[in-house]
Amino acid sequence: MLLTSDRSMPRRIDAIGRFVEAVDRFRSGLGLDRVALIVHDWGGLIGLRWACDNPGAASAIVVASTG
């Protein structure tokens, strides 16, 4: 249960999950095992979640101007 007055929050969380899956499909579609990830702005949340969900898949992470 989400405790928020913002009714769009569940849709945002779902959208982030879809972007995380898209990052992984892109990486595997290119046939890459490990990648250096550069993320910016709200892409930082997506990239960091992807890295946590895929341990060992990121050889480096650069985070700029996130949050």
N, C-alpha and C. Protein backbone atom coordinates (compact mmCIF):
# COMPACT_ATOMS: atom_id res chain seq x y z
N MET A 1 0.83 -1.18 0.00
CA MET A 1 0.00 0.00 0.00
C MET A 1 0.88 1.24 0.00
N LEU A 2 0.64 2.12 -0.94
CA LEU A 2 1.38 3.38 -0.98
C LEU A 2 0.62 4.44 -0.20
N LEU A 3 1.32 5.14 0.66
CA LEU A 3 0.70 6.21 1.42
C LEU A 3 1.08 7.52 0.76
N THR A 4 0.26 7.96 -0.14
CA THR A 4 0.54 9.20 -0.85
C THR A 4 -0.77 9.82 -1.32
N SER A 5 -0.77 11.13 -1.41
CA SER A 5 -1.95 11.80 -1.94
C SER A 5 -1.83 11.95 -3.46
N ASP A 6 -0.67 11.63 -4.01
CA ASP A 6 -0.45 11.75 -5.45
C ASP A 6 -0.92 10.47 -6.13
N ARG A 7 -2.06 10.53 -6.79
CA ARG A 7 -2.65 9.34 -7.41
C ARG A 7 -1.82 8.82 -8.59
N SER A 8 -0.94 9.63 -9.14
CA SER A 8 -0.14 9.18 -10.28
C SER A 8 1.11 8.42 -9.84
N MET A 9 1.41 8.37 -8.56
CA MET A 9 2.62 7.71 -8.08
C MET A 9 2.73 6.25 -8.51
N PRO A 10 1.68 5.41 -8.38
CA PRO A 10 1.83 4.01 -8.84
C PRO A 10 2.19 3.93 -10.32
N ARG A 11 1.65 4.81 -11.14
CA ARG A 11 1.99 4.80 -12.56
C ARG A 11 3.45 5.17 -12.77
N ARG A 12 3.98 6.11 -11.99
CA ARG A 12 5.38 6.49 -12.11
C ARG A 12 6.29 5.32 -11.73
N ILE A 13 5.95 4.63 -10.65
CA ILE A 13 6.75 3.49 -10.23
C ILE A 13 6.74 2.42 -11.31
N ASP A 14 5.58 2.18 -11.90
CA ASP A 14 5.47 1.21 -12.98
C ASP A 14 6.28 1.65 -14.20
N ALA A 15 6.27 2.94 -14.51
CA ALA A 15 7.03 3.46 -15.64
C ALA A 15 8.53 3.27 -15.41
N ILE A 16 8.99 3.51 -14.20
CA ILE A 16 10.41 3.32 -13.89
C ILE A 16 10.79 1.86 -14.11
N GLY A 17 9.95 0.95 -13.67
CA GLY A 17 10.20 -0.48 -13.89
C GLY A 17 10.32 -0.82 -15.37
N ARG A 18 9.46 -0.22 -16.18
CA ARG A 18 9.53 -0.47 -17.63
C ARG A 18 10.82 0.08 -18.22
N PHE A 19 11.28 1.24 -17.75
CA PHE A 19 12.54 1.79 -18.24
C PHE A 19 13.72 0.93 -17.81
N VAL A 20 13.67 0.40 -16.59
CA VAL A 20 14.73 -0.48 -16.10
C VAL A 20 14.81 -1.73 -17.00
N GLU A 21 13.65 -2.28 -17.32
CA GLU A 21 13.62 -3.45 -18.21
C GLU A 21 14.15 -3.09 -19.60
N ALA A 22 13.85 -1.89 -20.07
CA ALA A 22 14.32 -1.46 -21.39
C ALA A 22 15.84 -1.35 -21.41
N VAL A 23 16.44 -0.87 -20.32
CA VAL A 23 17.90 -0.79 -20.24
C VAL A 23 18.49 -2.18 -20.37
N ASP A 24 17.92 -3.14 -19.67
CA ASP A 24 18.46 -4.50 -19.74
C ASP A 24 18.25 -5.14 -21.11
N ARG A 25 17.10 -4.89 -21.73
CA ARG A 25 16.88 -5.41 -23.09
C ARG A 25 17.87 -4.80 -24.07
N PHE A 26 18.16 -3.52 -23.92
CA PHE A 26 19.12 -2.84 -24.79
C PHE A 26 20.52 -3.47 -24.63
N ARG A 27 20.94 -3.65 -23.38
CA ARG A 27 22.26 -4.25 -23.11
C ARG A 27 22.35 -5.66 -23.67
N SER A 28 21.35 -6.48 -23.39
CA SER A 28 21.41 -7.86 -23.87
C SER A 28 21.22 -7.93 -25.39
N GLY A 29 20.44 -7.01 -25.95
CA GLY A 29 20.27 -6.97 -27.40
C GLY A 29 21.56 -6.67 -28.13
N LEU A 30 22.44 -5.90 -27.48
CA LEU A 30 23.75 -5.61 -28.06
C LEU A 30 24.76 -6.72 -27.77
N GLY A 31 24.36 -7.68 -26.96
CA GLY A 31 25.25 -8.79 -26.62
C GLY A 31 26.34 -8.41 -25.62
N LEU A 32 26.07 -7.41 -24.80
CA LEU A 32 27.06 -6.95 -23.83
C LEU A 32 26.83 -7.61 -22.48
N ASP A 33 27.93 -8.09 -21.88
CA ASP A 33 27.83 -8.66 -20.54
C ASP A 33 27.88 -7.58 -19.47
N ARG A 34 28.88 -6.69 -19.58
CA ARG A 34 29.07 -5.62 -18.60
C ARG A 34 29.12 -4.29 -19.33
N VAL A 35 28.60 -3.27 -18.70
CA VAL A 35 28.59 -1.94 -19.31
C VAL A 35 29.01 -0.88 -18.29
N ALA A 36 29.58 0.21 -18.81
CA ALA A 36 29.79 1.42 -18.01
C ALA A 36 28.55 2.27 -18.21
N LEU A 37 27.88 2.61 -17.15
CA LEU A 37 26.60 3.29 -17.21
C LEU A 37 26.78 4.75 -16.81
N ILE A 38 26.29 5.66 -17.64
CA ILE A 38 26.31 7.09 -17.32
C ILE A 38 24.85 7.54 -17.24
N VAL A 39 24.46 8.09 -16.09
CA VAL A 39 23.07 8.47 -15.89
C VAL A 39 22.98 9.93 -15.45
N HIS A 40 21.86 10.55 -15.78
CA HIS A 40 21.66 11.97 -15.50
C HIS A 40 20.21 12.21 -15.12
N ASP A 41 19.98 13.15 -14.24
CA ASP A 41 18.64 13.57 -13.84
C ASP A 41 17.86 12.36 -13.32
N TRP A 42 16.61 12.16 -13.74
CA TRP A 42 15.84 11.03 -13.21
C TRP A 42 16.29 9.71 -13.81
N GLY A 43 17.15 9.75 -14.82
CA GLY A 43 17.78 8.53 -15.32
C GLY A 43 18.68 7.90 -14.26
N GLY A 44 19.09 8.71 -13.28
CA GLY A 44 19.89 8.19 -12.17
C GLY A 44 19.13 7.12 -11.40
N LEU A 45 17.86 7.38 -11.13
CA LEU A 45 17.03 6.40 -10.43
C LEU A 45 16.90 5.12 -11.25
N ILE A 46 16.69 5.28 -12.54
CA ILE A 46 16.55 4.12 -13.43
C ILE A 46 17.85 3.33 -13.48
N GLY A 47 18.96 4.02 -13.70
CA GLY A 47 20.25 3.34 -13.81
C GLY A 47 20.68 2.66 -12.52
N LEU A 48 20.47 3.33 -11.40
CA LEU A 48 20.86 2.73 -10.13
C LEU A 48 19.98 1.53 -9.79
N ARG A 49 18.70 1.63 -10.10
CA ARG A 49 17.83 0.47 -9.86
C ARG A 49 18.24 -0.69 -10.77
N TRP A 50 18.55 -0.38 -12.04
CA TRP A 50 19.00 -1.43 -12.96
C TRP A 50 20.26 -2.10 -12.42
N ALA A 51 21.22 -1.29 -11.95
CA ALA A 51 22.47 -1.84 -11.43
C ALA A 51 22.21 -2.72 -10.20
N CYS A 52 21.30 -2.32 -9.34
CA CYS A 52 20.97 -3.14 -8.17
C CYS A 52 20.27 -4.44 -8.55
N ASP A 53 19.42 -4.36 -9.58
CA ASP A 53 18.70 -5.55 -10.03
C ASP A 53 19.58 -6.50 -10.84
N ASN A 54 20.73 -6.01 -11.32
CA ASN A 54 21.62 -6.80 -12.16
C ASN A 54 23.05 -6.72 -11.63
N PRO A 55 23.29 -7.29 -10.46
CA PRO A 55 24.62 -7.18 -9.86
C PRO A 55 25.70 -7.76 -10.78
N GLY A 56 26.78 -7.04 -10.91
CA GLY A 56 27.89 -7.47 -11.75
C GLY A 56 27.77 -7.05 -13.20
N ALA A 57 26.62 -6.49 -13.60
CA ALA A 57 26.44 -6.09 -15.01
C ALA A 57 27.03 -4.72 -15.30
N ALA A 58 27.26 -3.91 -14.27
CA ALA A 58 27.85 -2.58 -14.47
C ALA A 58 29.31 -2.59 -14.06
N SER A 59 30.17 -2.23 -15.01
CA SER A 59 31.60 -2.15 -14.67
C SER A 59 31.92 -0.81 -14.02
N ALA A 60 31.09 0.21 -14.29
CA ALA A 60 31.24 1.54 -13.67
C ALA A 60 29.90 2.25 -13.79
N ILE A 61 29.67 3.17 -12.86
CA ILE A 61 28.46 3.99 -12.90
C ILE A 61 28.86 5.44 -12.65
N VAL A 62 28.48 6.32 -13.56
CA VAL A 62 28.70 7.76 -13.39
C VAL A 62 27.33 8.40 -13.20
N VAL A 63 27.15 9.10 -12.09
CA VAL A 63 25.87 9.73 -11.79
C VAL A 63 26.08 11.24 -11.79
N ALA A 64 25.32 11.97 -12.62
CA ALA A 64 25.47 13.42 -12.71
C ALA A 64 24.12 14.11 -12.54
N SER A 65 24.10 15.11 -11.73
CA SER A 65 22.92 15.97 -11.53
C SER A 65 21.64 15.17 -11.31
N THR A 66 21.71 14.25 -10.38
CA THR A 66 20.54 13.43 -10.05
C THR A 66 20.01 13.85 -8.69
N GLY A 67 18.77 14.30 -8.69
CA GLY A 67 18.07 14.59 -7.46
C GLY A 67 18.45 15.82 -6.77
